[in-house]
mmCIF file of all heavy atoms, coordinates in Angstrom:
data_MODEL
# 
_entry.id   MODEL 
# 
loop_
_atom_site.group_PDB 
_atom_site.id 
_atom_site.type_symbol 
_atom_site.label_atom_id 
_atom_site.label_alt_id 
_atom_site.label_comp_id 
_atom_site.label_asym_id 
_atom_site.label_entity_id 
_atom_site.label_seq_id 
_atom_site.pdbx_PDB_ins_code 
_atom_site.Cartn_x 
_atom_site.Cartn_y 
_atom_site.Cartn_z 
_atom_site.occupancy 
_atom_site.B_iso_or_equiv 
_atom_site.pdbx_formal_charge 
_atom_site.auth_seq_id 
_atom_site.auth_comp_id 
_atom_site.auth_asym_id 
_atom_site.auth_atom_id 
_atom_site.pdbx_PDB_model_num 
ATOM 1   N N   . ALA A 1 1  ? 10.544 60.003 54.265 1.00 0.00 ? 1  ALA A N   1 
ATOM 2   C CA  . ALA A 1 1  ? 9.835  61.274 54.383 1.00 0.00 ? 1  ALA A CA  1 
ATOM 3   C C   . ALA A 1 1  ? 10.179 62.130 53.173 1.00 0.00 ? 1  ALA A C   1 
ATOM 4   O O   . ALA A 1 1  ? 11.276 62.022 52.616 1.00 0.00 ? 1  ALA A O   1 
ATOM 5   C CB  . ALA A 1 1  ? 10.235 61.994 55.673 1.00 0.00 ? 1  ALA A CB  1 
ATOM 6   N N   . PRO A 1 2  ? 9.259  62.977 52.746 1.00 0.00 ? 2  PRO A N   1 
ATOM 7   C CA  . PRO A 1 2  ? 9.546  63.813 51.576 1.00 0.00 ? 2  PRO A CA  1 
ATOM 8   C C   . PRO A 1 2  ? 10.668 64.808 51.848 1.00 0.00 ? 2  PRO A C   1 
ATOM 9   O O   . PRO A 1 2  ? 10.749 65.395 52.930 1.00 0.00 ? 2  PRO A O   1 
ATOM 10  C CB  . PRO A 1 2  ? 8.213  64.523 51.310 1.00 0.00 ? 2  PRO A CB  1 
ATOM 11  C CG  . PRO A 1 2  ? 7.474  64.453 52.596 1.00 0.00 ? 2  PRO A CG  1 
ATOM 12  C CD  . PRO A 1 2  ? 7.908  63.189 53.266 1.00 0.00 ? 2  PRO A CD  1 
ATOM 13  N N   . LEU A 1 3  ? 11.522 64.982 50.859 1.00 0.00 ? 3  LEU A N   1 
ATOM 14  C CA  . LEU A 1 3  ? 12.594 65.970 50.910 1.00 0.00 ? 3  LEU A CA  1 
ATOM 15  C C   . LEU A 1 3  ? 12.327 66.943 49.759 1.00 0.00 ? 3  LEU A C   1 
ATOM 16  O O   . LEU A 1 3  ? 12.974 66.896 48.720 1.00 0.00 ? 3  LEU A O   1 
ATOM 17  C CB  . LEU A 1 3  ? 13.959 65.293 50.768 1.00 0.00 ? 3  LEU A CB  1 
ATOM 18  C CG  . LEU A 1 3  ? 15.208 66.156 50.984 1.00 0.00 ? 3  LEU A CG  1 
ATOM 19  C CD1 . LEU A 1 3  ? 15.234 66.729 52.392 1.00 0.00 ? 3  LEU A CD1 1 
ATOM 20  C CD2 . LEU A 1 3  ? 16.465 65.350 50.722 1.00 0.00 ? 3  LEU A CD2 1 
ATOM 21  N N   . GLN A 1 4  ? 11.344 67.810 49.939 1.00 0.00 ? 4  GLN A N   1 
ATOM 22  C CA  . GLN A 1 4  ? 10.825 68.617 48.834 1.00 0.00 ? 4  GLN A CA  1 
ATOM 23  C C   . GLN A 1 4  ? 10.914 70.119 49.085 1.00 0.00 ? 4  GLN A C   1 
ATOM 24  O O   . GLN A 1 4  ? 10.491 70.902 48.233 1.00 0.00 ? 4  GLN A O   1 
ATOM 25  C CB  . GLN A 1 4  ? 9.344  68.262 48.575 1.00 0.00 ? 4  GLN A CB  1 
ATOM 26  C CG  . GLN A 1 4  ? 9.041  66.775 48.495 1.00 0.00 ? 4  GLN A CG  1 
ATOM 27  C CD  . GLN A 1 4  ? 9.511  66.138 47.190 1.00 0.00 ? 4  GLN A CD  1 
ATOM 28  O OE1 . GLN A 1 4  ? 10.088 66.796 46.346 1.00 0.00 ? 4  GLN A OE1 1 
ATOM 29  N NE2 . GLN A 1 4  ? 9.249  64.855 47.040 1.00 0.00 ? 4  GLN A NE2 1 
ATOM 30  N N   . ASN A 1 5  ? 11.442 70.536 50.231 1.00 0.00 ? 5  ASN A N   1 
ATOM 31  C CA  . ASN A 1 5  ? 11.495 71.967 50.536 1.00 0.00 ? 5  ASN A CA  1 
ATOM 32  C C   . ASN A 1 5  ? 12.425 72.692 49.565 1.00 0.00 ? 5  ASN A C   1 
ATOM 33  O O   . ASN A 1 5  ? 13.635 72.452 49.545 1.00 0.00 ? 5  ASN A O   1 
ATOM 34  C CB  . ASN A 1 5  ? 11.983 72.179 51.974 1.00 0.00 ? 5  ASN A CB  1 
ATOM 35  C CG  . ASN A 1 5  ? 11.878 73.625 52.403 1.00 0.00 ? 5  ASN A CG  1 
ATOM 36  O OD1 . ASN A 1 5  ? 11.190 74.427 51.774 1.00 0.00 ? 5  ASN A OD1 1 
ATOM 37  N ND2 . ASN A 1 5  ? 12.571 73.964 53.491 1.00 0.00 ? 5  ASN A ND2 1 
ATOM 38  N N   . GLY A 1 6  ? 11.851 73.565 48.737 1.00 0.00 ? 6  GLY A N   1 
ATOM 39  C CA  . GLY A 1 6  ? 12.630 74.270 47.728 1.00 0.00 ? 6  GLY A CA  1 
ATOM 40  C C   . GLY A 1 6  ? 12.717 73.542 46.406 1.00 0.00 ? 6  GLY A C   1 
ATOM 41  O O   . GLY A 1 6  ? 13.272 74.068 45.433 1.00 0.00 ? 6  GLY A O   1 
ATOM 42  N N   . PHE A 1 7  ? 12.188 72.310 46.359 1.00 0.00 ? 7  PHE A N   1 
ATOM 43  C CA  . PHE A 1 7  ? 12.198 71.509 45.135 1.00 0.00 ? 7  PHE A CA  1 
ATOM 44  C C   . PHE A 1 7  ? 11.099 72.033 44.203 1.00 0.00 ? 7  PHE A C   1 
ATOM 45  O O   . PHE A 1 7  ? 10.187 72.736 44.648 1.00 0.00 ? 7  PHE A O   1 
ATOM 46  C CB  . PHE A 1 7  ? 11.938 70.044 45.493 1.00 0.00 ? 7  PHE A CB  1 
ATOM 47  C CG  . PHE A 1 7  ? 12.694 69.058 44.650 1.00 0.00 ? 7  PHE A CG  1 
ATOM 48  C CD1 . PHE A 1 7  ? 14.065 69.142 44.524 1.00 0.00 ? 7  PHE A CD1 1 
ATOM 49  C CD2 . PHE A 1 7  ? 12.030 68.041 43.989 1.00 0.00 ? 7  PHE A CD2 1 
ATOM 50  C CE1 . PHE A 1 7  ? 14.771 68.220 43.768 1.00 0.00 ? 7  PHE A CE1 1 
ATOM 51  C CE2 . PHE A 1 7  ? 12.713 67.119 43.226 1.00 0.00 ? 7  PHE A CE2 1 
ATOM 52  C CZ  . PHE A 1 7  ? 14.093 67.207 43.107 1.00 0.00 ? 7  PHE A CZ  1 
ATOM 53  N N   . PRO A 1 8  ? 11.151 71.727 42.904 1.00 0.00 ? 8  PRO A N   1 
ATOM 54  C CA  . PRO A 1 8  ? 10.092 72.185 41.997 1.00 0.00 ? 8  PRO A CA  1 
ATOM 55  C C   . PRO A 1 8  ? 8.711  71.744 42.477 1.00 0.00 ? 8  PRO A C   1 
ATOM 56  O O   . PRO A 1 8  ? 8.501  70.565 42.786 1.00 0.00 ? 8  PRO A O   1 
ATOM 57  C CB  . PRO A 1 8  ? 10.456 71.521 40.665 1.00 0.00 ? 8  PRO A CB  1 
ATOM 58  C CG  . PRO A 1 8  ? 11.914 71.281 40.745 1.00 0.00 ? 8  PRO A CG  1 
ATOM 59  C CD  . PRO A 1 8  ? 12.204 70.986 42.177 1.00 0.00 ? 8  PRO A CD  1 
ATOM 60  N N   . GLU A 1 9  ? 7.786  72.678 42.560 1.00 0.00 ? 9  GLU A N   1 
ATOM 61  C CA  . GLU A 1 9  ? 6.422  72.326 42.946 1.00 0.00 ? 9  GLU A CA  1 
ATOM 62  C C   . GLU A 1 9  ? 5.706  71.592 41.826 1.00 0.00 ? 9  GLU A C   1 
ATOM 63  O O   . GLU A 1 9  ? 4.801  70.801 42.084 1.00 0.00 ? 9  GLU A O   1 
ATOM 64  C CB  . GLU A 1 9  ? 5.659  73.587 43.334 1.00 0.00 ? 9  GLU A CB  1 
ATOM 65  C CG  . GLU A 1 9  ? 6.193  74.267 44.589 1.00 0.00 ? 9  GLU A CG  1 
ATOM 66  C CD  . GLU A 1 9  ? 5.347  75.457 44.991 1.00 0.00 ? 9  GLU A CD  1 
ATOM 67  O OE1 . GLU A 1 9  ? 4.300  75.693 44.333 1.00 0.00 ? 9  GLU A OE1 1 
ATOM 68  O OE2 . GLU A 1 9  ? 5.716  76.146 45.956 1.00 0.00 ? 9  GLU A OE2 1 
ATOM 69  N N   . SER A 1 10 ? 6.089  71.855 40.608 1.00 0.00 ? 10 SER A N   1 
ATOM 70  C CA  . SER A 1 10 ? 5.472  71.205 39.465 1.00 0.00 ? 10 SER A CA  1 
ATOM 71  C C   . SER A 1 10 ? 5.816  69.717 39.444 1.00 0.00 ? 10 SER A C   1 
ATOM 72  O O   . SER A 1 10 ? 6.990  69.336 39.489 1.00 0.00 ? 10 SER A O   1 
ATOM 73  C CB  . SER A 1 10 ? 5.964  71.852 38.164 1.00 0.00 ? 10 SER A CB  1 
ATOM 74  O OG  . SER A 1 10 ? 5.685  71.035 37.050 1.00 0.00 ? 10 SER A OG  1 
ATOM 75  N N   . ARG A 1 11 ? 4.799  68.882 39.396 1.00 0.00 ? 11 ARG A N   1 
ATOM 76  C CA  . ARG A 1 11 ? 5.029  67.445 39.325 1.00 0.00 ? 11 ARG A CA  1 
ATOM 77  C C   . ARG A 1 11 ? 5.641  67.042 37.989 1.00 0.00 ? 11 ARG A C   1 
ATOM 78  O O   . ARG A 1 11 ? 6.246  65.979 37.878 1.00 0.00 ? 11 ARG A O   1 
ATOM 79  C CB  . ARG A 1 11 ? 3.718  66.688 39.571 1.00 0.00 ? 11 ARG A CB  1 
ATOM 80  C CG  . ARG A 1 11 ? 3.205  66.856 40.993 1.00 0.00 ? 11 ARG A CG  1 
ATOM 81  C CD  . ARG A 1 11 ? 1.880  66.159 41.234 1.00 0.00 ? 11 ARG A CD  1 
ATOM 82  N NE  . ARG A 1 11 ? 1.431  66.421 42.593 1.00 0.00 ? 11 ARG A NE  1 
ATOM 83  C CZ  . ARG A 1 11 ? 1.720  65.629 43.637 1.00 0.00 ? 11 ARG A CZ  1 
ATOM 84  N NH1 . ARG A 1 11 ? 2.440  64.544 43.448 1.00 0.00 ? 11 ARG A NH1 1 
ATOM 85  N NH2 . ARG A 1 11 ? 1.285  65.929 44.842 1.00 0.00 ? 11 ARG A NH2 1 
ATOM 86  N N   . TYR A 1 12 ? 5.473  67.868 37.006 1.00 0.00 ? 12 TYR A N   1 
ATOM 87  C CA  . TYR A 1 12 ? 6.076  67.598 35.698 1.00 0.00 ? 12 TYR A CA  1 
ATOM 88  C C   . TYR A 1 12 ? 7.589  67.788 35.762 1.00 0.00 ? 12 TYR A C   1 
ATOM 89  O O   . TYR A 1 12 ? 8.348  67.003 35.184 1.00 0.00 ? 12 TYR A O   1 
ATOM 90  C CB  . TYR A 1 12 ? 5.465  68.515 34.646 1.00 0.00 ? 12 TYR A CB  1 
ATOM 91  C CG  . TYR A 1 12 ? 6.067  68.372 33.267 1.00 0.00 ? 12 TYR A CG  1 
ATOM 92  C CD1 . TYR A 1 12 ? 5.735  67.290 32.453 1.00 0.00 ? 12 TYR A CD1 1 
ATOM 93  C CD2 . TYR A 1 12 ? 6.970  69.313 32.786 1.00 0.00 ? 12 TYR A CD2 1 
ATOM 94  C CE1 . TYR A 1 12 ? 6.289  67.151 31.188 1.00 0.00 ? 12 TYR A CE1 1 
ATOM 95  C CE2 . TYR A 1 12 ? 7.522  69.184 31.523 1.00 0.00 ? 12 TYR A CE2 1 
ATOM 96  C CZ  . TYR A 1 12 ? 7.178  68.107 30.732 1.00 0.00 ? 12 TYR A CZ  1 
ATOM 97  O OH  . TYR A 1 12 ? 7.731  67.974 29.479 1.00 0.00 ? 12 TYR A OH  1 
ATOM 98  N N   . TYR A 1 13 ? 8.047  68.804 36.485 1.00 0.00 ? 13 TYR A N   1 
ATOM 99  C CA  . TYR A 1 13 ? 9.473  69.115 36.521 1.00 0.00 ? 13 TYR A CA  1 
ATOM 100 C C   . TYR A 1 13 ? 10.211 68.487 37.699 1.00 0.00 ? 13 TYR A C   1 
ATOM 101 O O   . TYR A 1 13 ? 11.438 68.492 37.717 1.00 0.00 ? 13 TYR A O   1 
ATOM 102 C CB  . TYR A 1 13 ? 9.678  70.637 36.555 1.00 0.00 ? 13 TYR A CB  1 
ATOM 103 C CG  . TYR A 1 13 ? 9.427  71.305 35.225 1.00 0.00 ? 13 TYR A CG  1 
ATOM 104 C CD1 . TYR A 1 13 ? 8.501  72.329 35.106 1.00 0.00 ? 13 TYR A CD1 1 
ATOM 105 C CD2 . TYR A 1 13 ? 10.114 70.899 34.085 1.00 0.00 ? 13 TYR A CD2 1 
ATOM 106 C CE1 . TYR A 1 13 ? 8.271  72.940 33.878 1.00 0.00 ? 13 TYR A CE1 1 
ATOM 107 C CE2 . TYR A 1 13 ? 9.885  71.501 32.859 1.00 0.00 ? 13 TYR A CE2 1 
ATOM 108 C CZ  . TYR A 1 13 ? 8.964  72.517 32.762 1.00 0.00 ? 13 TYR A CZ  1 
ATOM 109 O OH  . TYR A 1 13 ? 8.734  73.104 31.551 1.00 0.00 ? 13 TYR A OH  1 
ATOM 110 N N   . ARG A 1 14 ? 9.502  67.965 38.702 1.00 0.00 ? 14 ARG A N   1 
ATOM 111 C CA  . ARG A 1 14 ? 10.203 67.392 39.843 1.00 0.00 ? 14 ARG A CA  1 
ATOM 112 C C   . ARG A 1 14 ? 10.668 65.960 39.595 1.00 0.00 ? 14 ARG A C   1 
ATOM 113 O O   . ARG A 1 14 ? 11.363 65.380 40.428 1.00 0.00 ? 14 ARG A O   1 
ATOM 114 C CB  . ARG A 1 14 ? 9.317  67.431 41.089 1.00 0.00 ? 14 ARG A CB  1 
ATOM 115 C CG  . ARG A 1 14 ? 8.209  66.406 41.104 1.00 0.00 ? 14 ARG A CG  1 
ATOM 116 C CD  . ARG A 1 14 ? 7.565  66.258 42.474 1.00 0.00 ? 14 ARG A CD  1 
ATOM 117 N NE  . ARG A 1 14 ? 7.100  67.524 43.019 1.00 0.00 ? 14 ARG A NE  1 
ATOM 118 C CZ  . ARG A 1 14 ? 6.256  67.608 44.030 1.00 0.00 ? 14 ARG A CZ  1 
ATOM 119 N NH1 . ARG A 1 14 ? 5.788  66.493 44.600 1.00 0.00 ? 14 ARG A NH1 1 
ATOM 120 N NH2 . ARG A 1 14 ? 5.850  68.770 44.483 1.00 0.00 ? 14 ARG A NH2 1 
ATOM 121 N N   . LYS A 1 15 ? 10.269 65.377 38.470 1.00 0.00 ? 15 LYS A N   1 
ATOM 122 C CA  . LYS A 1 15 ? 10.701 64.006 38.165 1.00 0.00 ? 15 LYS A CA  1 
ATOM 123 C C   . LYS A 1 15 ? 12.225 63.927 38.174 1.00 0.00 ? 15 LYS A C   1 
ATOM 124 O O   . LYS A 1 15 ? 12.897 64.657 37.455 1.00 0.00 ? 15 LYS A O   1 
ATOM 125 C CB  . LYS A 1 15 ? 10.140 63.569 36.817 1.00 0.00 ? 15 LYS A CB  1 
ATOM 126 C CG  . LYS A 1 15 ? 8.628  63.386 36.826 1.00 0.00 ? 15 LYS A CG  1 
ATOM 127 C CD  . LYS A 1 15 ? 8.084  62.996 35.475 1.00 0.00 ? 15 LYS A CD  1 
ATOM 128 C CE  . LYS A 1 15 ? 8.100  64.152 34.510 1.00 0.00 ? 15 LYS A CE  1 
ATOM 129 N NZ  . LYS A 1 15 ? 7.387  63.841 33.250 1.00 0.00 ? 15 LYS A NZ  1 
ATOM 130 N N   . THR A 1 16 ? 12.753 63.043 39.007 1.00 0.00 ? 16 THR A N   1 
ATOM 131 C CA  . THR A 1 16 ? 14.188 62.978 39.269 1.00 0.00 ? 16 THR A CA  1 
ATOM 132 C C   . THR A 1 16 ? 14.803 61.763 38.602 1.00 0.00 ? 16 THR A C   1 
ATOM 133 O O   . THR A 1 16 ? 14.435 60.620 38.891 1.00 0.00 ? 16 THR A O   1 
ATOM 134 C CB  . THR A 1 16 ? 14.446 62.941 40.788 1.00 0.00 ? 16 THR A CB  1 
ATOM 135 O OG1 . THR A 1 16 ? 13.841 64.086 41.396 1.00 0.00 ? 16 THR A OG1 1 
ATOM 136 C CG2 . THR A 1 16 ? 15.928 62.941 41.080 1.00 0.00 ? 16 THR A CG2 1 
ATOM 137 N N   . GLN A 1 17 ? 15.751 62.025 37.723 1.00 0.00 ? 17 GLN A N   1 
ATOM 138 C CA  . GLN A 1 17 ? 16.414 60.968 36.965 1.00 0.00 ? 17 GLN A CA  1 
ATOM 139 C C   . GLN A 1 17 ? 17.682 60.468 37.649 1.00 0.00 ? 17 GLN A C   1 
ATOM 140 O O   . GLN A 1 17 ? 18.038 59.309 37.545 1.00 0.00 ? 17 GLN A O   1 
ATOM 141 C CB  . GLN A 1 17 ? 16.769 61.504 35.568 1.00 0.00 ? 17 GLN A CB  1 
ATOM 142 C CG  . GLN A 1 17 ? 17.603 60.576 34.707 1.00 0.00 ? 17 GLN A CG  1 
ATOM 143 C CD  . GLN A 1 17 ? 16.798 59.440 34.138 1.00 0.00 ? 17 GLN A CD  1 
ATOM 144 O OE1 . GLN A 1 17 ? 15.571 59.499 34.119 1.00 0.00 ? 17 GLN A OE1 1 
ATOM 145 N NE2 . GLN A 1 17 ? 17.482 58.403 33.674 1.00 0.00 ? 17 GLN A NE2 1 
ATOM 146 N N   . THR A 1 18 ? 18.371 61.338 38.396 1.00 0.00 ? 18 THR A N   1 
ATOM 147 C CA  . THR A 1 18 ? 19.671 60.965 38.947 1.00 0.00 ? 18 THR A CA  1 
ATOM 148 C C   . THR A 1 18 ? 19.939 61.715 40.246 1.00 0.00 ? 18 THR A C   1 
ATOM 149 O O   . THR A 1 18 ? 19.488 62.858 40.432 1.00 0.00 ? 18 THR A O   1 
ATOM 150 C CB  . THR A 1 18 ? 20.797 61.270 37.933 1.00 0.00 ? 18 THR A CB  1 
ATOM 151 O OG1 . THR A 1 18 ? 22.075 60.956 38.489 1.00 0.00 ? 18 THR A OG1 1 
ATOM 152 C CG2 . THR A 1 18 ? 20.778 62.729 37.509 1.00 0.00 ? 18 THR A CG2 1 
ATOM 153 N N   . LEU A 1 19 ? 20.641 61.050 41.172 1.00 0.00 ? 19 LEU A N   1 
ATOM 154 C CA  . LEU A 1 19 ? 21.075 61.642 42.434 1.00 0.00 ? 19 LEU A CA  1 
ATOM 155 C C   . LEU A 1 19 ? 22.581 61.485 42.574 1.00 0.00 ? 19 LEU A C   1 
ATOM 156 O O   . LEU A 1 19 ? 23.162 60.509 42.095 1.00 0.00 ? 19 LEU A O   1 
ATOM 157 C CB  . LEU A 1 19 ? 20.390 60.968 43.623 1.00 0.00 ? 19 LEU A CB  1 
ATOM 158 C CG  . LEU A 1 19 ? 18.878 61.164 43.802 1.00 0.00 ? 19 LEU A CG  1 
ATOM 159 C CD1 . LEU A 1 19 ? 18.394 60.326 44.971 1.00 0.00 ? 19 LEU A CD1 1 
ATOM 160 C CD2 . LEU A 1 19 ? 18.520 62.623 43.998 1.00 0.00 ? 19 LEU A CD2 1 
ATOM 161 N N   . PHE A 1 20 ? 23.190 62.441 43.266 1.00 0.00 ? 20 PHE A N   1 
ATOM 162 C CA  . PHE A 1 20 ? 24.630 62.372 43.548 1.00 0.00 ? 20 PHE A CA  1 
ATOM 163 C C   . PHE A 1 20 ? 24.861 62.962 44.934 1.00 0.00 ? 20 PHE A C   1 
ATOM 164 O O   . PHE A 1 20 ? 24.433 64.088 45.217 1.00 0.00 ? 20 PHE A O   1 
ATOM 165 C CB  . PHE A 1 20 ? 25.426 63.152 42.493 1.00 0.00 ? 20 PHE A CB  1 
ATOM 166 C CG  . PHE A 1 20 ? 26.902 63.203 42.774 1.00 0.00 ? 20 PHE A CG  1 
ATOM 167 C CD1 . PHE A 1 20 ? 27.710 62.114 42.474 1.00 0.00 ? 20 PHE A CD1 1 
ATOM 168 C CD2 . PHE A 1 20 ? 27.477 64.331 43.339 1.00 0.00 ? 20 PHE A CD2 1 
ATOM 169 C CE1 . PHE A 1 20 ? 29.072 62.158 42.738 1.00 0.00 ? 20 PHE A CE1 1 
ATOM 170 C CE2 . PHE A 1 20 ? 28.829 64.387 43.605 1.00 0.00 ? 20 PHE A CE2 1 
ATOM 171 C CZ  . PHE A 1 20 ? 29.643 63.288 43.299 1.00 0.00 ? 20 PHE A CZ  1 
ATOM 172 N N   . TYR A 1 21 ? 25.532 62.192 45.793 1.00 0.00 ? 21 TYR A N   1 
ATOM 173 C CA  . TYR A 1 21 ? 25.737 62.622 47.180 1.00 0.00 ? 21 TYR A CA  1 
ATOM 174 C C   . TYR A 1 21 ? 27.217 62.898 47.391 1.00 0.00 ? 21 TYR A C   1 
ATOM 175 O O   . TYR A 1 21 ? 28.065 62.028 47.224 1.00 0.00 ? 21 TYR A O   1 
ATOM 176 C CB  . TYR A 1 21 ? 25.252 61.540 48.139 1.00 0.00 ? 21 TYR A CB  1 
ATOM 177 C CG  . TYR A 1 21 ? 25.210 61.976 49.593 1.00 0.00 ? 21 TYR A CG  1 
ATOM 178 C CD1 . TYR A 1 21 ? 24.693 63.211 49.958 1.00 0.00 ? 21 TYR A CD1 1 
ATOM 179 C CD2 . TYR A 1 21 ? 25.665 61.132 50.604 1.00 0.00 ? 21 TYR A CD2 1 
ATOM 180 C CE1 . TYR A 1 21 ? 24.639 63.604 51.283 1.00 0.00 ? 21 TYR A CE1 1 
ATOM 181 C CE2 . TYR A 1 21 ? 25.607 61.508 51.934 1.00 0.00 ? 21 TYR A CE2 1 
ATOM 182 C CZ  . TYR A 1 21 ? 25.089 62.756 52.265 1.00 0.00 ? 21 TYR A CZ  1 
ATOM 183 O OH  . TYR A 1 21 ? 25.036 63.154 53.576 1.00 0.00 ? 21 TYR A OH  1 
ATOM 184 N N   . LEU A 1 22 ? 27.505 64.142 47.766 1.00 0.00 ? 22 LEU A N   1 
ATOM 185 C CA  . LEU A 1 22 ? 28.882 64.571 48.015 1.00 0.00 ? 22 LEU A CA  1 
ATOM 186 C C   . LEU A 1 22 ? 29.073 64.686 49.517 1.00 0.00 ? 22 LEU A C   1 
ATOM 187 O O   . LEU A 1 22 ? 28.595 65.631 50.149 1.00 0.00 ? 22 LEU A O   1 
ATOM 188 C CB  . LEU A 1 22 ? 29.140 65.914 47.318 1.00 0.00 ? 22 LEU A CB  1 
ATOM 189 C CG  . LEU A 1 22 ? 30.545 66.513 47.462 1.00 0.00 ? 22 LEU A CG  1 
ATOM 190 C CD1 . LEU A 1 22 ? 31.595 65.541 46.920 1.00 0.00 ? 22 LEU A CD1 1 
ATOM 191 C CD2 . LEU A 1 22 ? 30.619 67.848 46.736 1.00 0.00 ? 22 LEU A CD2 1 
ATOM 192 N N   . GLU A 1 23 ? 29.749 63.689 50.077 1.00 0.00 ? 23 GLU A N   1 
ATOM 193 C CA  . GLU A 1 23 ? 29.929 63.646 51.530 1.00 0.00 ? 23 GLU A CA  1 
ATOM 194 C C   . GLU A 1 23 ? 31.158 64.437 51.944 1.00 0.00 ? 23 GLU A C   1 
ATOM 195 O O   . GLU A 1 23 ? 32.221 64.364 51.331 1.00 0.00 ? 23 GLU A O   1 
ATOM 196 C CB  . GLU A 1 23 ? 30.059 62.205 52.011 1.00 0.00 ? 23 GLU A CB  1 
ATOM 197 C CG  . GLU A 1 23 ? 28.753 61.433 51.903 1.00 0.00 ? 23 GLU A CG  1 
ATOM 198 C CD  . GLU A 1 23 ? 28.695 60.284 52.894 1.00 0.00 ? 23 GLU A CD  1 
ATOM 199 O OE1 . GLU A 1 23 ? 28.651 60.559 54.107 1.00 0.00 ? 23 GLU A OE1 1 
ATOM 200 O OE2 . GLU A 1 23 ? 28.681 59.139 52.454 1.00 0.00 ? 23 GLU A OE2 1 
ATOM 201 N N   . SER A 1 24 ? 30.991 65.217 53.006 1.00 0.00 ? 24 SER A N   1 
ATOM 202 C CA  . SER A 1 24 ? 32.078 66.021 53.567 1.00 0.00 ? 24 SER A CA  1 
ATOM 203 C C   . SER A 1 24 ? 31.599 66.524 54.928 1.00 0.00 ? 24 SER A C   1 
ATOM 204 O O   . SER A 1 24 ? 30.594 66.054 55.459 1.00 0.00 ? 24 SER A O   1 
ATOM 205 C CB  . SER A 1 24 ? 32.410 67.192 52.633 1.00 0.00 ? 24 SER A CB  1 
ATOM 206 O OG  . SER A 1 24 ? 31.294 68.064 52.543 1.00 0.00 ? 24 SER A OG  1 
ATOM 207 N N   . ASP A 1 25 ? 32.322 67.500 55.489 1.00 0.00 ? 25 ASP A N   1 
ATOM 208 C CA  . ASP A 1 25 ? 31.862 68.100 56.734 1.00 0.00 ? 25 ASP A CA  1 
ATOM 209 C C   . ASP A 1 25 ? 30.545 68.837 56.535 1.00 0.00 ? 25 ASP A C   1 
ATOM 210 O O   . ASP A 1 25 ? 29.770 69.021 57.473 1.00 0.00 ? 25 ASP A O   1 
ATOM 211 C CB  . ASP A 1 25 ? 32.922 69.076 57.266 1.00 0.00 ? 25 ASP A CB  1 
ATOM 212 C CG  . ASP A 1 25 ? 34.190 68.367 57.684 1.00 0.00 ? 25 ASP A CG  1 
ATOM 213 O OD1 . ASP A 1 25 ? 34.100 67.158 58.004 1.00 0.00 ? 25 ASP A OD1 1 
ATOM 214 O OD2 . ASP A 1 25 ? 35.264 68.992 57.671 1.00 0.00 ? 25 ASP A OD2 1 
ATOM 215 N N   . SER A 1 26 ? 30.311 69.282 55.291 1.00 0.00 ? 26 SER A N   1 
ATOM 216 C CA  . SER A 1 26 ? 29.053 69.944 54.939 1.00 0.00 ? 26 SER A CA  1 
ATOM 217 C C   . SER A 1 26 ? 28.477 69.224 53.711 1.00 0.00 ? 26 SER A C   1 
ATOM 218 O O   . SER A 1 26 ? 28.600 69.710 52.574 1.00 0.00 ? 26 SER A O   1 
ATOM 219 C CB  . SER A 1 26 ? 29.295 71.428 54.637 1.00 0.00 ? 26 SER A CB  1 
ATOM 220 O OG  . SER A 1 26 ? 28.097 72.078 54.302 1.00 0.00 ? 26 SER A OG  1 
ATOM 221 N N   . PRO A 1 27 ? 27.879 68.048 53.917 1.00 0.00 ? 27 PRO A N   1 
ATOM 222 C CA  . PRO A 1 27 ? 27.456 67.218 52.781 1.00 0.00 ? 27 PRO A CA  1 
ATOM 223 C C   . PRO A 1 27 ? 26.375 67.888 51.936 1.00 0.00 ? 27 PRO A C   1 
ATOM 224 O O   . PRO A 1 27 ? 25.539 68.638 52.443 1.00 0.00 ? 27 PRO A O   1 
ATOM 225 C CB  . PRO A 1 27 ? 26.933 65.946 53.446 1.00 0.00 ? 27 PRO A CB  1 
ATOM 226 C CG  . PRO A 1 27 ? 26.573 66.360 54.830 1.00 0.00 ? 27 PRO A CG  1 
ATOM 227 C CD  . PRO A 1 27 ? 27.526 67.447 55.203 1.00 0.00 ? 27 PRO A CD  1 
ATOM 228 N N   . ARG A 1 28 ? 26.409 67.576 50.627 1.00 0.00 ? 28 ARG A N   1 
ATOM 229 C CA  . ARG A 1 28 ? 25.431 68.134 49.703 1.00 0.00 ? 28 ARG A CA  1 
ATOM 230 C C   . ARG A 1 28 ? 24.886 67.008 48.825 1.00 0.00 ? 28 ARG A C   1 
ATOM 231 O O   . ARG A 1 28 ? 25.620 66.108 48.409 1.00 0.00 ? 28 ARG A O   1 
ATOM 232 C CB  . ARG A 1 28 ? 26.044 69.216 48.809 1.00 0.00 ? 28 ARG A CB  1 
ATOM 233 C CG  . ARG A 1 28 ? 26.610 70.382 49.572 1.00 0.00 ? 28 ARG A CG  1 
ATOM 234 C CD  . ARG A 1 28 ? 27.203 71.415 48.640 1.00 0.00 ? 28 ARG A CD  1 
ATOM 235 N NE  . ARG A 1 28 ? 26.164 72.175 47.959 1.00 0.00 ? 28 ARG A NE  1 
ATOM 236 C CZ  . ARG A 1 28 ? 26.404 73.012 46.958 1.00 0.00 ? 28 ARG A CZ  1 
ATOM 237 N NH1 . ARG A 1 28 ? 27.641 73.152 46.512 1.00 0.00 ? 28 ARG A NH1 1 
ATOM 238 N NH2 . ARG A 1 28 ? 25.424 73.689 46.407 1.00 0.00 ? 28 ARG A NH2 1 
ATOM 239 N N   . LEU A 1 29 ? 23.604 67.103 48.574 1.00 0.00 ? 29 LEU A N   1 
ATOM 240 C CA  . LEU A 1 29 ? 22.920 66.160 47.696 1.00 0.00 ? 29 LEU A CA  1 
ATOM 241 C C   . LEU A 1 29 ? 22.509 66.898 46.429 1.00 0.00 ? 29 LEU A C   1 
ATOM 242 O O   . LEU A 1 29 ? 21.906 67.974 46.496 1.00 0.00 ? 29 LEU A O   1 
ATOM 243 C CB  . LEU A 1 29 ? 21.684 65.581 48.398 1.00 0.00 ? 29 LEU A CB  1 
ATOM 244 C CG  . LEU A 1 29 ? 20.809 64.629 47.573 1.00 0.00 ? 29 LEU A CG  1 
ATOM 245 C CD1 . LEU A 1 29 ? 21.549 63.323 47.296 1.00 0.00 ? 29 LEU A CD1 1 
ATOM 246 C CD2 . LEU A 1 29 ? 19.495 64.356 48.293 1.00 0.00 ? 29 LEU A CD2 1 
# 
């Protein structure tokens, strides 16, 4: 499913090169 809420609306700028997942009690991507 799309995870785009708050992400750049521009298709030019939303291109994603890298992801990093920080797991904890309050995980952040």
